[in-house]
């Protein structure tokens, strides 16, 4: 996940199952 959270990348085998997120605060 990018610094601001606006861009995310996933490995193909998990992209439909996993979610990455961040709370910078």
PDBML (XML) file of the C-alpha atoms, coordinates in Angstrom:
<?xml version="1.0" encoding="UTF-8" ?>
<PDBx:datablock datablockName="MODEL"
   xmlns:PDBx="http://pdbml.pdb.org/schema/pdbx-v50.xsd"
   xmlns:xsi="http://www.w3.org/2001/XMLSchema-instance"
   xsi:schemaLocation="http://pdbml.pdb.org/schema/pdbx-v50.xsd pdbx-v50.xsd">
   <PDBx:atom_siteCategory>
      <PDBx:atom_site id="1">
         <PDBx:B_iso_or_equiv>0.00</PDBx:B_iso_or_equiv>
         <PDBx:Cartn_x>0.000</PDBx:Cartn_x>
         <PDBx:Cartn_y>0.000</PDBx:Cartn_y>
         <PDBx:Cartn_z>0.000</PDBx:Cartn_z>
         <PDBx:auth_asym_id>A</PDBx:auth_asym_id>
         <PDBx:auth_atom_id>CA</PDBx:auth_atom_id>
         <PDBx:auth_comp_id>UNK</PDBx:auth_comp_id>
         <PDBx:auth_seq_id>1</PDBx:auth_seq_id>
         <PDBx:group_PDB>ATOM</PDBx:group_PDB>
         <PDBx:label_alt_id xsi:nil="true" />
         <PDBx:label_asym_id>A</PDBx:label_asym_id>
         <PDBx:label_atom_id>CA</PDBx:label_atom_id>
         <PDBx:label_comp_id>UNK</PDBx:label_comp_id>
         <PDBx:label_entity_id>1</PDBx:label_entity_id>
         <PDBx:label_seq_id>1</PDBx:label_seq_id>
         <PDBx:occupancy>1.00</PDBx:occupancy>
         <PDBx:pdbx_PDB_model_num>1</PDBx:pdbx_PDB_model_num>
         <PDBx:type_symbol>C</PDBx:type_symbol>
      </PDBx:atom_site>
      <PDBx:atom_site id="2">
         <PDBx:B_iso_or_equiv>0.00</PDBx:B_iso_or_equiv>
         <PDBx:Cartn_x>1.247</PDBx:Cartn_x>
         <PDBx:Cartn_y>3.454</PDBx:Cartn_y>
         <PDBx:Cartn_z>-0.874</PDBx:Cartn_z>
         <PDBx:auth_asym_id>A</PDBx:auth_asym_id>
         <PDBx:auth_atom_id>CA</PDBx:auth_atom_id>
         <PDBx:auth_comp_id>UNK</PDBx:auth_comp_id>
         <PDBx:auth_seq_id>2</PDBx:auth_seq_id>
         <PDBx:group_PDB>ATOM</PDBx:group_PDB>
         <PDBx:label_alt_id xsi:nil="true" />
         <PDBx:label_asym_id>A</PDBx:label_asym_id>
         <PDBx:label_atom_id>CA</PDBx:label_atom_id>
         <PDBx:label_comp_id>UNK</PDBx:label_comp_id>
         <PDBx:label_entity_id>1</PDBx:label_entity_id>
         <PDBx:label_seq_id>2</PDBx:label_seq_id>
         <PDBx:occupancy>1.00</PDBx:occupancy>
         <PDBx:pdbx_PDB_model_num>1</PDBx:pdbx_PDB_model_num>
         <PDBx:type_symbol>C</PDBx:type_symbol>
      </PDBx:atom_site>
      <PDBx:atom_site id="3">
         <PDBx:B_iso_or_equiv>0.00</PDBx:B_iso_or_equiv>
         <PDBx:Cartn_x>2.096</PDBx:Cartn_x>
         <PDBx:Cartn_y>6.165</PDBx:Cartn_y>
         <PDBx:Cartn_z>1.628</PDBx:Cartn_z>
         <PDBx:auth_asym_id>A</PDBx:auth_asym_id>
         <PDBx:auth_atom_id>CA</PDBx:auth_atom_id>
         <PDBx:auth_comp_id>UNK</PDBx:auth_comp_id>
         <PDBx:auth_seq_id>3</PDBx:auth_seq_id>
         <PDBx:group_PDB>ATOM</PDBx:group_PDB>
         <PDBx:label_alt_id xsi:nil="true" />
         <PDBx:label_asym_id>A</PDBx:label_asym_id>
         <PDBx:label_atom_id>CA</PDBx:label_atom_id>
         <PDBx:label_comp_id>UNK</PDBx:label_comp_id>
         <PDBx:label_entity_id>1</PDBx:label_entity_id>
         <PDBx:label_seq_id>3</PDBx:label_seq_id>
         <PDBx:occupancy>1.00</PDBx:occupancy>
         <PDBx:pdbx_PDB_model_num>1</PDBx:pdbx_PDB_model_num>
         <PDBx:type_symbol>C</PDBx:type_symbol>
      </PDBx:atom_site>
      <PDBx:atom_site id="4">
         <PDBx:B_iso_or_equiv>0.00</PDBx:B_iso_or_equiv>
         <PDBx:Cartn_x>-1.338</PDBx:Cartn_x>
         <PDBx:Cartn_y>7.754</PDBx:Cartn_y>
         <PDBx:Cartn_z>1.512</PDBx:Cartn_z>
         <PDBx:auth_asym_id>A</PDBx:auth_asym_id>
         <PDBx:auth_atom_id>CA</PDBx:auth_atom_id>
         <PDBx:auth_comp_id>UNK</PDBx:auth_comp_id>
         <PDBx:auth_seq_id>4</PDBx:auth_seq_id>
         <PDBx:group_PDB>ATOM</PDBx:group_PDB>
         <PDBx:label_alt_id xsi:nil="true" />
         <PDBx:label_asym_id>A</PDBx:label_asym_id>
         <PDBx:label_atom_id>CA</PDBx:label_atom_id>
         <PDBx:label_comp_id>UNK</PDBx:label_comp_id>
         <PDBx:label_entity_id>1</PDBx:label_entity_id>
         <PDBx:label_seq_id>4</PDBx:label_seq_id>
         <PDBx:occupancy>1.00</PDBx:occupancy>
         <PDBx:pdbx_PDB_model_num>1</PDBx:pdbx_PDB_model_num>
         <PDBx:type_symbol>C</PDBx:type_symbol>
      </PDBx:atom_site>
      <PDBx:atom_site id="5">
         <PDBx:B_iso_or_equiv>0.00</PDBx:B_iso_or_equiv>
         <PDBx:Cartn_x>-3.194</PDBx:Cartn_x>
         <PDBx:Cartn_y>4.499</PDBx:Cartn_y>
         <PDBx:Cartn_z>0.989</PDBx:Cartn_z>
         <PDBx:auth_asym_id>A</PDBx:auth_asym_id>
         <PDBx:auth_atom_id>CA</PDBx:auth_atom_id>
         <PDBx:auth_comp_id>UNK</PDBx:auth_comp_id>
         <PDBx:auth_seq_id>5</PDBx:auth_seq_id>
         <PDBx:group_PDB>ATOM</PDBx:group_PDB>
         <PDBx:label_alt_id xsi:nil="true" />
         <PDBx:label_asym_id>A</PDBx:label_asym_id>
         <PDBx:label_atom_id>CA</PDBx:label_atom_id>
         <PDBx:label_comp_id>UNK</PDBx:label_comp_id>
         <PDBx:label_entity_id>1</PDBx:label_entity_id>
         <PDBx:label_seq_id>5</PDBx:label_seq_id>
         <PDBx:occupancy>1.00</PDBx:occupancy>
         <PDBx:pdbx_PDB_model_num>1</PDBx:pdbx_PDB_model_num>
         <PDBx:type_symbol>C</PDBx:type_symbol>
      </PDBx:atom_site>
      <PDBx:atom_site id="6">
         <PDBx:B_iso_or_equiv>0.00</PDBx:B_iso_or_equiv>
         <PDBx:Cartn_x>-4.375</PDBx:Cartn_x>
         <PDBx:Cartn_y>5.416</PDBx:Cartn_y>
         <PDBx:Cartn_z>-2.480</PDBx:Cartn_z>
         <PDBx:auth_asym_id>A</PDBx:auth_asym_id>
         <PDBx:auth_atom_id>CA</PDBx:auth_atom_id>
         <PDBx:auth_comp_id>UNK</PDBx:auth_comp_id>
         <PDBx:auth_seq_id>6</PDBx:auth_seq_id>
         <PDBx:group_PDB>ATOM</PDBx:group_PDB>
         <PDBx:label_alt_id xsi:nil="true" />
         <PDBx:label_asym_id>A</PDBx:label_asym_id>
         <PDBx:label_atom_id>CA</PDBx:label_atom_id>
         <PDBx:label_comp_id>UNK</PDBx:label_comp_id>
         <PDBx:label_entity_id>1</PDBx:label_entity_id>
         <PDBx:label_seq_id>6</PDBx:label_seq_id>
         <PDBx:occupancy>1.00</PDBx:occupancy>
         <PDBx:pdbx_PDB_model_num>1</PDBx:pdbx_PDB_model_num>
         <PDBx:type_symbol>C</PDBx:type_symbol>
      </PDBx:atom_site>
      <PDBx:atom_site id="7">
         <PDBx:B_iso_or_equiv>0.00</PDBx:B_iso_or_equiv>
         <PDBx:Cartn_x>-2.592</PDBx:Cartn_x>
         <PDBx:Cartn_y>2.629</PDBx:Cartn_y>
         <PDBx:Cartn_z>-4.344</PDBx:Cartn_z>
         <PDBx:auth_asym_id>A</PDBx:auth_asym_id>
         <PDBx:auth_atom_id>CA</PDBx:auth_atom_id>
         <PDBx:auth_comp_id>UNK</PDBx:auth_comp_id>
         <PDBx:auth_seq_id>7</PDBx:auth_seq_id>
         <PDBx:group_PDB>ATOM</PDBx:group_PDB>
         <PDBx:label_alt_id xsi:nil="true" />
         <PDBx:label_asym_id>A</PDBx:label_asym_id>
         <PDBx:label_atom_id>CA</PDBx:label_atom_id>
         <PDBx:label_comp_id>UNK</PDBx:label_comp_id>
         <PDBx:label_entity_id>1</PDBx:label_entity_id>
         <PDBx:label_seq_id>7</PDBx:label_seq_id>
         <PDBx:occupancy>1.00</PDBx:occupancy>
         <PDBx:pdbx_PDB_model_num>1</PDBx:pdbx_PDB_model_num>
         <PDBx:type_symbol>C</PDBx:type_symbol>
      </PDBx:atom_site>
      <PDBx:atom_site id="8">
         <PDBx:B_iso_or_equiv>0.00</PDBx:B_iso_or_equiv>
         <PDBx:Cartn_x>-2.601</PDBx:Cartn_x>
         <PDBx:Cartn_y>-1.048</PDBx:Cartn_y>
         <PDBx:Cartn_z>-3.455</PDBx:Cartn_z>
         <PDBx:auth_asym_id>A</PDBx:auth_asym_id>
         <PDBx:auth_atom_id>CA</PDBx:auth_atom_id>
         <PDBx:auth_comp_id>UNK</PDBx:auth_comp_id>
         <PDBx:auth_seq_id>8</PDBx:auth_seq_id>
         <PDBx:group_PDB>ATOM</PDBx:group_PDB>
         <PDBx:label_alt_id xsi:nil="true" />
         <PDBx:label_asym_id>A</PDBx:label_asym_id>
         <PDBx:label_atom_id>CA</PDBx:label_atom_id>
         <PDBx:label_comp_id>UNK</PDBx:label_comp_id>
         <PDBx:label_entity_id>1</PDBx:label_entity_id>
         <PDBx:label_seq_id>8</PDBx:label_seq_id>
         <PDBx:occupancy>1.00</PDBx:occupancy>
         <PDBx:pdbx_PDB_model_num>1</PDBx:pdbx_PDB_model_num>
         <PDBx:type_symbol>C</PDBx:type_symbol>
      </PDBx:atom_site>
      <PDBx:atom_site id="9">
         <PDBx:B_iso_or_equiv>0.00</PDBx:B_iso_or_equiv>
         <PDBx:Cartn_x>-0.949</PDBx:Cartn_x>
         <PDBx:Cartn_y>-4.087</PDBx:Cartn_y>
         <PDBx:Cartn_z>-5.027</PDBx:Cartn_z>
         <PDBx:auth_asym_id>A</PDBx:auth_asym_id>
         <PDBx:auth_atom_id>CA</PDBx:auth_atom_id>
         <PDBx:auth_comp_id>UNK</PDBx:auth_comp_id>
         <PDBx:auth_seq_id>9</PDBx:auth_seq_id>
         <PDBx:group_PDB>ATOM</PDBx:group_PDB>
         <PDBx:label_alt_id xsi:nil="true" />
         <PDBx:label_asym_id>A</PDBx:label_asym_id>
         <PDBx:label_atom_id>CA</PDBx:label_atom_id>
         <PDBx:label_comp_id>UNK</PDBx:label_comp_id>
         <PDBx:label_entity_id>1</PDBx:label_entity_id>
         <PDBx:label_seq_id>9</PDBx:label_seq_id>
         <PDBx:occupancy>1.00</PDBx:occupancy>
         <PDBx:pdbx_PDB_model_num>1</PDBx:pdbx_PDB_model_num>
         <PDBx:type_symbol>C</PDBx:type_symbol>
      </PDBx:atom_site>
      <PDBx:atom_site id="10">
         <PDBx:B_iso_or_equiv>0.00</PDBx:B_iso_or_equiv>
         <PDBx:Cartn_x>-1.702</PDBx:Cartn_x>
         <PDBx:Cartn_y>-7.754</PDBx:Cartn_y>
         <PDBx:Cartn_z>-4.411</PDBx:Cartn_z>
         <PDBx:auth_asym_id>A</PDBx:auth_asym_id>
         <PDBx:auth_atom_id>CA</PDBx:auth_atom_id>
         <PDBx:auth_comp_id>UNK</PDBx:auth_comp_id>
         <PDBx:auth_seq_id>10</PDBx:auth_seq_id>
         <PDBx:group_PDB>ATOM</PDBx:group_PDB>
         <PDBx:label_alt_id xsi:nil="true" />
         <PDBx:label_asym_id>A</PDBx:label_asym_id>
         <PDBx:label_atom_id>CA</PDBx:label_atom_id>
         <PDBx:label_comp_id>UNK</PDBx:label_comp_id>
         <PDBx:label_entity_id>1</PDBx:label_entity_id>
         <PDBx:label_seq_id>10</PDBx:label_seq_id>
         <PDBx:occupancy>1.00</PDBx:occupancy>
         <PDBx:pdbx_PDB_model_num>1</PDBx:pdbx_PDB_model_num>
         <PDBx:type_symbol>C</PDBx:type_symbol>
      </PDBx:atom_site>
      <PDBx:atom_site id="11">
         <PDBx:B_iso_or_equiv>0.00</PDBx:B_iso_or_equiv>
         <PDBx:Cartn_x>-0.167</PDBx:Cartn_x>
         <PDBx:Cartn_y>-11.052</PDBx:Cartn_y>
         <PDBx:Cartn_z>-5.314</PDBx:Cartn_z>
         <PDBx:auth_asym_id>A</PDBx:auth_asym_id>
         <PDBx:auth_atom_id>CA</PDBx:auth_atom_id>
         <PDBx:auth_comp_id>UNK</PDBx:auth_comp_id>
         <PDBx:auth_seq_id>11</PDBx:auth_seq_id>
         <PDBx:group_PDB>ATOM</PDBx:group_PDB>
         <PDBx:label_alt_id xsi:nil="true" />
         <PDBx:label_asym_id>A</PDBx:label_asym_id>
         <PDBx:label_atom_id>CA</PDBx:label_atom_id>
         <PDBx:label_comp_id>UNK</PDBx:label_comp_id>
         <PDBx:label_entity_id>1</PDBx:label_entity_id>
         <PDBx:label_seq_id>11</PDBx:label_seq_id>
         <PDBx:occupancy>1.00</PDBx:occupancy>
         <PDBx:pdbx_PDB_model_num>1</PDBx:pdbx_PDB_model_num>
         <PDBx:type_symbol>C</PDBx:type_symbol>
      </PDBx:atom_site>
      <PDBx:atom_site id="12">
         <PDBx:B_iso_or_equiv>0.00</PDBx:B_iso_or_equiv>
         <PDBx:Cartn_x>-2.491</PDBx:Cartn_x>
         <PDBx:Cartn_y>-12.689</PDBx:Cartn_y>
         <PDBx:Cartn_z>-7.810</PDBx:Cartn_z>
         <PDBx:auth_asym_id>A</PDBx:auth_asym_id>
         <PDBx:auth_atom_id>CA</PDBx:auth_atom_id>
         <PDBx:auth_comp_id>UNK</PDBx:auth_comp_id>
         <PDBx:auth_seq_id>12</PDBx:auth_seq_id>
         <PDBx:group_PDB>ATOM</PDBx:group_PDB>
         <PDBx:label_alt_id xsi:nil="true" />
         <PDBx:label_asym_id>A</PDBx:label_asym_id>
         <PDBx:label_atom_id>CA</PDBx:label_atom_id>
         <PDBx:label_comp_id>UNK</PDBx:label_comp_id>
         <PDBx:label_entity_id>1</PDBx:label_entity_id>
         <PDBx:label_seq_id>12</PDBx:label_seq_id>
         <PDBx:occupancy>1.00</PDBx:occupancy>
         <PDBx:pdbx_PDB_model_num>1</PDBx:pdbx_PDB_model_num>
         <PDBx:type_symbol>C</PDBx:type_symbol>
      </PDBx:atom_site>
      <PDBx:atom_site id="13">
         <PDBx:B_iso_or_equiv>0.00</PDBx:B_iso_or_equiv>
         <PDBx:Cartn_x>-3.446</PDBx:Cartn_x>
         <PDBx:Cartn_y>-15.636</PDBx:Cartn_y>
         <PDBx:Cartn_z>-5.632</PDBx:Cartn_z>
         <PDBx:auth_asym_id>A</PDBx:auth_asym_id>
         <PDBx:auth_atom_id>CA</PDBx:auth_atom_id>
         <PDBx:auth_comp_id>UNK</PDBx:auth_comp_id>
         <PDBx:auth_seq_id>13</PDBx:auth_seq_id>
         <PDBx:group_PDB>ATOM</PDBx:group_PDB>
         <PDBx:label_alt_id xsi:nil="true" />
         <PDBx:label_asym_id>A</PDBx:label_asym_id>
         <PDBx:label_atom_id>CA</PDBx:label_atom_id>
         <PDBx:label_comp_id>UNK</PDBx:label_comp_id>
         <PDBx:label_entity_id>1</PDBx:label_entity_id>
         <PDBx:label_seq_id>13</PDBx:label_seq_id>
         <PDBx:occupancy>1.00</PDBx:occupancy>
         <PDBx:pdbx_PDB_model_num>1</PDBx:pdbx_PDB_model_num>
         <PDBx:type_symbol>C</PDBx:type_symbol>
      </PDBx:atom_site>
      <PDBx:atom_site id="14">
         <PDBx:B_iso_or_equiv>0.00</PDBx:B_iso_or_equiv>
         <PDBx:Cartn_x>-4.739</PDBx:Cartn_x>
         <PDBx:Cartn_y>-13.389</PDBx:Cartn_y>
         <PDBx:Cartn_z>-2.848</PDBx:Cartn_z>
         <PDBx:auth_asym_id>A</PDBx:auth_asym_id>
         <PDBx:auth_atom_id>CA</PDBx:auth_atom_id>
         <PDBx:auth_comp_id>UNK</PDBx:auth_comp_id>
         <PDBx:auth_seq_id>14</PDBx:auth_seq_id>
         <PDBx:group_PDB>ATOM</PDBx:group_PDB>
         <PDBx:label_alt_id xsi:nil="true" />
         <PDBx:label_asym_id>A</PDBx:label_asym_id>
         <PDBx:label_atom_id>CA</PDBx:label_atom_id>
         <PDBx:label_comp_id>UNK</PDBx:label_comp_id>
         <PDBx:label_entity_id>1</PDBx:label_entity_id>
         <PDBx:label_seq_id>14</PDBx:label_seq_id>
         <PDBx:occupancy>1.00</PDBx:occupancy>
         <PDBx:pdbx_PDB_model_num>1</PDBx:pdbx_PDB_model_num>
         <PDBx:type_symbol>C</PDBx:type_symbol>
      </PDBx:atom_site>
      <PDBx:atom_site id="15">
         <PDBx:B_iso_or_equiv>0.00</PDBx:B_iso_or_equiv>
         <PDBx:Cartn_x>-6.087</PDBx:Cartn_x>
         <PDBx:Cartn_y>-10.322</PDBx:Cartn_y>
         <PDBx:Cartn_z>-4.630</PDBx:Cartn_z>
         <PDBx:auth_asym_id>A</PDBx:auth_asym_id>
         <PDBx:auth_atom_id>CA</PDBx:auth_atom_id>
         <PDBx:auth_comp_id>UNK</PDBx:auth_comp_id>
         <PDBx:auth_seq_id>15</PDBx:auth_seq_id>
         <PDBx:group_PDB>ATOM</PDBx:group_PDB>
         <PDBx:label_alt_id xsi:nil="true" />
         <PDBx:label_asym_id>A</PDBx:label_asym_id>
         <PDBx:label_atom_id>CA</PDBx:label_atom_id>
         <PDBx:label_comp_id>UNK</PDBx:label_comp_id>
         <PDBx:label_entity_id>1</PDBx:label_entity_id>
         <PDBx:label_seq_id>15</PDBx:label_seq_id>
         <PDBx:occupancy>1.00</PDBx:occupancy>
         <PDBx:pdbx_PDB_model_num>1</PDBx:pdbx_PDB_model_num>
         <PDBx:type_symbol>C</PDBx:type_symbol>
      </PDBx:atom_site>
      <PDBx:atom_site id="16">
         <PDBx:B_iso_or_equiv>0.00</PDBx:B_iso_or_equiv>
         <PDBx:Cartn_x>-9.716</PDBx:Cartn_x>
         <PDBx:Cartn_y>-11.478</PDBx:Cartn_y>
         <PDBx:Cartn_z>-4.517</PDBx:Cartn_z>
         <PDBx:auth_asym_id>A</PDBx:auth_asym_id>
         <PDBx:auth_atom_id>CA</PDBx:auth_atom_id>
         <PDBx:auth_comp_id>UNK</PDBx:auth_comp_id>
         <PDBx:auth_seq_id>16</PDBx:auth_seq_id>
         <PDBx:group_PDB>ATOM</PDBx:group_PDB>
         <PDBx:label_alt_id xsi:nil="true" />
         <PDBx:label_asym_id>A</PDBx:label_asym_id>
         <PDBx:label_atom_id>CA</PDBx:label_atom_id>
         <PDBx:label_comp_id>UNK</PDBx:label_comp_id>
         <PDBx:label_entity_id>1</PDBx:label_entity_id>
         <PDBx:label_seq_id>16</PDBx:label_seq_id>
         <PDBx:occupancy>1.00</PDBx:occupancy>
         <PDBx:pdbx_PDB_model_num>1</PDBx:pdbx_PDB_model_num>
         <PDBx:type_symbol>C</PDBx:type_symbol>
      </PDBx:atom_site>
      <PDBx:atom_site id="17">
         <PDBx:B_iso_or_equiv>0.00</PDBx:B_iso_or_equiv>
         <PDBx:Cartn_x>-9.483</PDBx:Cartn_x>
         <PDBx:Cartn_y>-12.522</PDBx:Cartn_y>
         <PDBx:Cartn_z>-0.885</PDBx:Cartn_z>
         <PDBx:auth_asym_id>A</PDBx:auth_asym_id>
         <PDBx:auth_atom_id>CA</PDBx:auth_atom_id>
         <PDBx:auth_comp_id>UNK</PDBx:auth_comp_id>
         <PDBx:auth_seq_id>17</PDBx:auth_seq_id>
         <PDBx:group_PDB>ATOM</PDBx:group_PDB>
         <PDBx:label_alt_id xsi:nil="true" />
         <PDBx:label_asym_id>A</PDBx:label_asym_id>
         <PDBx:label_atom_id>CA</PDBx:label_atom_id>
         <PDBx:label_comp_id>UNK</PDBx:label_comp_id>
         <PDBx:label_entity_id>1</PDBx:label_entity_id>
         <PDBx:label_seq_id>17</PDBx:label_seq_id>
         <PDBx:occupancy>1.00</PDBx:occupancy>
         <PDBx:pdbx_PDB_model_num>1</PDBx:pdbx_PDB_model_num>
         <PDBx:type_symbol>C</PDBx:type_symbol>
      </PDBx:atom_site>
      <PDBx:atom_site id="18">
         <PDBx:B_iso_or_equiv>0.00</PDBx:B_iso_or_equiv>
         <PDBx:Cartn_x>-7.143</PDBx:Cartn_x>
         <PDBx:Cartn_y>-10.125</PDBx:Cartn_y>
         <PDBx:Cartn_z>0.933</PDBx:Cartn_z>
         <PDBx:auth_asym_id>A</PDBx:auth_asym_id>
         <PDBx:auth_atom_id>CA</PDBx:auth_atom_id>
         <PDBx:auth_comp_id>UNK</PDBx:auth_comp_id>
         <PDBx:auth_seq_id>18</PDBx:auth_seq_id>
         <PDBx:group_PDB>ATOM</PDBx:group_PDB>
         <PDBx:label_alt_id xsi:nil="true" />
         <PDBx:label_asym_id>A</PDBx:label_asym_id>
         <PDBx:label_atom_id>CA</PDBx:label_atom_id>
         <PDBx:label_comp_id>UNK</PDBx:label_comp_id>
         <PDBx:label_entity_id>1</PDBx:label_entity_id>
         <PDBx:label_seq_id>18</PDBx:label_seq_id>
         <PDBx:occupancy>1.00</PDBx:occupancy>
         <PDBx:pdbx_PDB_model_num>1</PDBx:pdbx_PDB_model_num>
         <PDBx:type_symbol>C</PDBx:type_symbol>
      </PDBx:atom_site>
      <PDBx:atom_site id="19">
         <PDBx:B_iso_or_equiv>0.00</PDBx:B_iso_or_equiv>
         <PDBx:Cartn_x>-7.355</PDBx:Cartn_x>
         <PDBx:Cartn_y>-6.395</PDBx:Cartn_y>
         <PDBx:Cartn_z>1.549</PDBx:Cartn_z>
         <PDBx:auth_asym_id>A</PDBx:auth_asym_id>
         <PDBx:auth_atom_id>CA</PDBx:auth_atom_id>
         <PDBx:auth_comp_id>UNK</PDBx:auth_comp_id>
         <PDBx:auth_seq_id>19</PDBx:auth_seq_id>
         <PDBx:group_PDB>ATOM</PDBx:group_PDB>
         <PDBx:label_alt_id xsi:nil="true" />
         <PDBx:label_asym_id>A</PDBx:label_asym_id>
         <PDBx:label_atom_id>CA</PDBx:label_atom_id>
         <PDBx:label_comp_id>UNK</PDBx:label_comp_id>
         <PDBx:label_entity_id>1</PDBx:label_entity_id>
         <PDBx:label_seq_id>19</PDBx:label_seq_id>
         <PDBx:occupancy>1.00</PDBx:occupancy>
         <PDBx:pdbx_PDB_model_num>1</PDBx:pdbx_PDB_model_num>
         <PDBx:type_symbol>C</PDBx:type_symbol>
      </PDBx:atom_site>
      <PDBx:atom_site id="20">
         <PDBx:B_iso_or_equiv>0.00</PDBx:B_iso_or_equiv>
         <PDBx:Cartn_x>-4.559</PDBx:Cartn_x>
         <PDBx:Cartn_y>-4.114</PDBx:Cartn_y>
         <PDBx:Cartn_z>2.700</PDBx:Cartn_z>
         <PDBx:auth_asym_id>A</PDBx:auth_asym_id>
         <PDBx:auth_atom_id>CA</PDBx:auth_atom_id>
         <PDBx:auth_comp_id>UNK</PDBx:auth_comp_id>
         <PDBx:auth_seq_id>20</PDBx:auth_seq_id>
         <PDBx:group_PDB>ATOM</PDBx:group_PDB>
         <PDBx:label_alt_id xsi:nil="true" />
         <PDBx:label_asym_id>A</PDBx:label_asym_id>
         <PDBx:label_atom_id>CA</PDBx:label_atom_id>
         <PDBx:label_comp_id>UNK</PDBx:label_comp_id>
         <PDBx:label_entity_id>1</PDBx:label_entity_id>
         <PDBx:label_seq_id>20</PDBx:label_seq_id>
         <PDBx:occupancy>1.00</PDBx:occupancy>
         <PDBx:pdbx_PDB_model_num>1</PDBx:pdbx_PDB_model_num>
         <PDBx:type_symbol>C</PDBx:type_symbol>
      </PDBx:atom_site>
      <PDBx:atom_site id="21">
         <PDBx:B_iso_or_equiv>0.00</PDBx:B_iso_or_equiv>
         <PDBx:Cartn_x>-5.300</PDBx:Cartn_x>
         <PDBx:Cartn_y>-0.822</PDBx:Cartn_y>
         <PDBx:Cartn_z>4.401</PDBx:Cartn_z>
         <PDBx:auth_asym_id>A</PDBx:auth_asym_id>
         <PDBx:auth_atom_id>CA</PDBx:auth_atom_id>
         <PDBx:auth_comp_id>UNK</PDBx:auth_comp_id>
         <PDBx:auth_seq_id>21</PDBx:auth_seq_id>
         <PDBx:group_PDB>ATOM</PDBx:group_PDB>
         <PDBx:label_alt_id xsi:nil="true" />
         <PDBx:label_asym_id>A</PDBx:label_asym_id>
         <PDBx:label_atom_id>CA</PDBx:label_atom_id>
         <PDBx:label_comp_id>UNK</PDBx:label_comp_id>
         <PDBx:label_entity_id>1</PDBx:label_entity_id>
         <PDBx:label_seq_id>21</PDBx:label_seq_id>
         <PDBx:occupancy>1.00</PDBx:occupancy>
         <PDBx:pdbx_PDB_model_num>1</PDBx:pdbx_PDB_model_num>
         <PDBx:type_symbol>C</PDBx:type_symbol>
      </PDBx:atom_site>
      <PDBx:atom_site id="22">
         <PDBx:B_iso_or_equiv>0.00</PDBx:B_iso_or_equiv>
         <PDBx:Cartn_x>-3.602</PDBx:Cartn_x>
         <PDBx:Cartn_y>1.702</PDBx:Cartn_y>
         <PDBx:Cartn_z>6.636</PDBx:Cartn_z>
         <PDBx:auth_asym_id>A</PDBx:auth_asym_id>
         <PDBx:auth_atom_id>CA</PDBx:auth_atom_id>
         <PDBx:auth_comp_id>UNK</PDBx:auth_comp_id>
         <PDBx:auth_seq_id>22</PDBx:auth_seq_id>
         <PDBx:group_PDB>ATOM</PDBx:group_PDB>
         <PDBx:label_alt_id xsi:nil="true" />
         <PDBx:label_asym_id>A</PDBx:label_asym_id>
         <PDBx:label_atom_id>CA</PDBx:label_atom_id>
         <PDBx:label_comp_id>UNK</PDBx:label_comp_id>
         <PDBx:label_entity_id>1</PDBx:label_entity_id>
         <PDBx:label_seq_id>22</PDBx:label_seq_id>
         <PDBx:occupancy>1.00</PDBx:occupancy>
         <PDBx:pdbx_PDB_model_num>1</PDBx:pdbx_PDB_model_num>
         <PDBx:type_symbol>C</PDBx:type_symbol>
      </PDBx:atom_site>
      <PDBx:atom_site id="23">
         <PDBx:B_iso_or_equiv>0.00</PDBx:B_iso_or_equiv>
         <PDBx:Cartn_x>-4.498</PDBx:Cartn_x>
         <PDBx:Cartn_y>4.252</PDBx:Cartn_y>
         <PDBx:Cartn_z>9.260</PDBx:Cartn_z>
         <PDBx:auth_asym_id>A</PDBx:auth_asym_id>
         <PDBx:auth_atom_id>CA</PDBx:auth_atom_id>
         <PDBx:auth_comp_id>UNK</PDBx:auth_comp_id>
         <PDBx:auth_seq_id>23</PDBx:auth_seq_id>
         <PDBx:group_PDB>ATOM</PDBx:group_PDB>
         <PDBx:label_alt_id xsi:nil="true" />
         <PDBx:label_asym_id>A</PDBx:label_asym_id>
         <PDBx:label_atom_id>CA</PDBx:label_atom_id>
         <PDBx:label_comp_id>UNK</PDBx:label_comp_id>
         <PDBx:label_entity_id>1</PDBx:label_entity_id>
         <PDBx:label_seq_id>23</PDBx:label_seq_id>
         <PDBx:occupancy>1.00</PDBx:occupancy>
         <PDBx:pdbx_PDB_model_num>1</PDBx:pdbx_PDB_model_num>
         <PDBx:type_symbol>C</PDBx:type_symbol>
      </PDBx:atom_site>
      <PDBx:atom_site id="24">
         <PDBx:B_iso_or_equiv>0.00</PDBx:B_iso_or_equiv>
         <PDBx:Cartn_x>-1.727</PDBx:Cartn_x>
         <PDBx:Cartn_y>6.808</PDBx:Cartn_y>
         <PDBx:Cartn_z>9.323</PDBx:Cartn_z>
         <PDBx:auth_asym_id>A</PDBx:auth_asym_id>
         <PDBx:auth_atom_id>CA</PDBx:auth_atom_id>
         <PDBx:auth_comp_id>UNK</PDBx:auth_comp_id>
         <PDBx:auth_seq_id>24</PDBx:auth_seq_id>
         <PDBx:group_PDB>ATOM</PDBx:group_PDB>
         <PDBx:label_alt_id xsi:nil="true" />
         <PDBx:label_asym_id>A</PDBx:label_asym_id>
         <PDBx:label_atom_id>CA</PDBx:label_atom_id>
         <PDBx:label_comp_id>UNK</PDBx:label_comp_id>
         <PDBx:label_entity_id>1</PDBx:label_entity_id>
         <PDBx:label_seq_id>24</PDBx:label_seq_id>
         <PDBx:occupancy>1.00</PDBx:occupancy>
         <PDBx:pdbx_PDB_model_num>1</PDBx:pdbx_PDB_model_num>
         <PDBx:type_symbol>C</PDBx:type_symbol>
      </PDBx:atom_site>
      <PDBx:atom_site id="25">
         <PDBx:B_iso_or_equiv>0.00</PDBx:B_iso_or_equiv>
         <PDBx:Cartn_x>-3.192</PDBx:Cartn_x>
         <PDBx:Cartn_y>8.520</PDBx:Cartn_y>
         <PDBx:Cartn_z>12.381</PDBx:Cartn_z>
         <PDBx:auth_asym_id>A</PDBx:auth_asym_id>
         <PDBx:auth_atom_id>CA</PDBx:auth_atom_id>
         <PDBx:auth_comp_id>UNK</PDBx:auth_comp_id>
         <PDBx:auth_seq_id>25</PDBx:auth_seq_id>
         <PDBx:group_PDB>ATOM</PDBx:group_PDB>
         <PDBx:label_alt_id xsi:nil="true" />
         <PDBx:label_asym_id>A</PDBx:label_asym_id>
         <PDBx:label_atom_id>CA</PDBx:label_atom_id>
         <PDBx:label_comp_id>UNK</PDBx:label_comp_id>
         <PDBx:label_entity_id>1</PDBx:label_entity_id>
         <PDBx:label_seq_id>25</PDBx:label_seq_id>
         <PDBx:occupancy>1.00</PDBx:occupancy>
         <PDBx:pdbx_PDB_model_num>1</PDBx:pdbx_PDB_model_num>
         <PDBx:type_symbol>C</PDBx:type_symbol>
      </PDBx:atom_site>
   </PDBx:atom_siteCategory>
</PDBx:datablock>
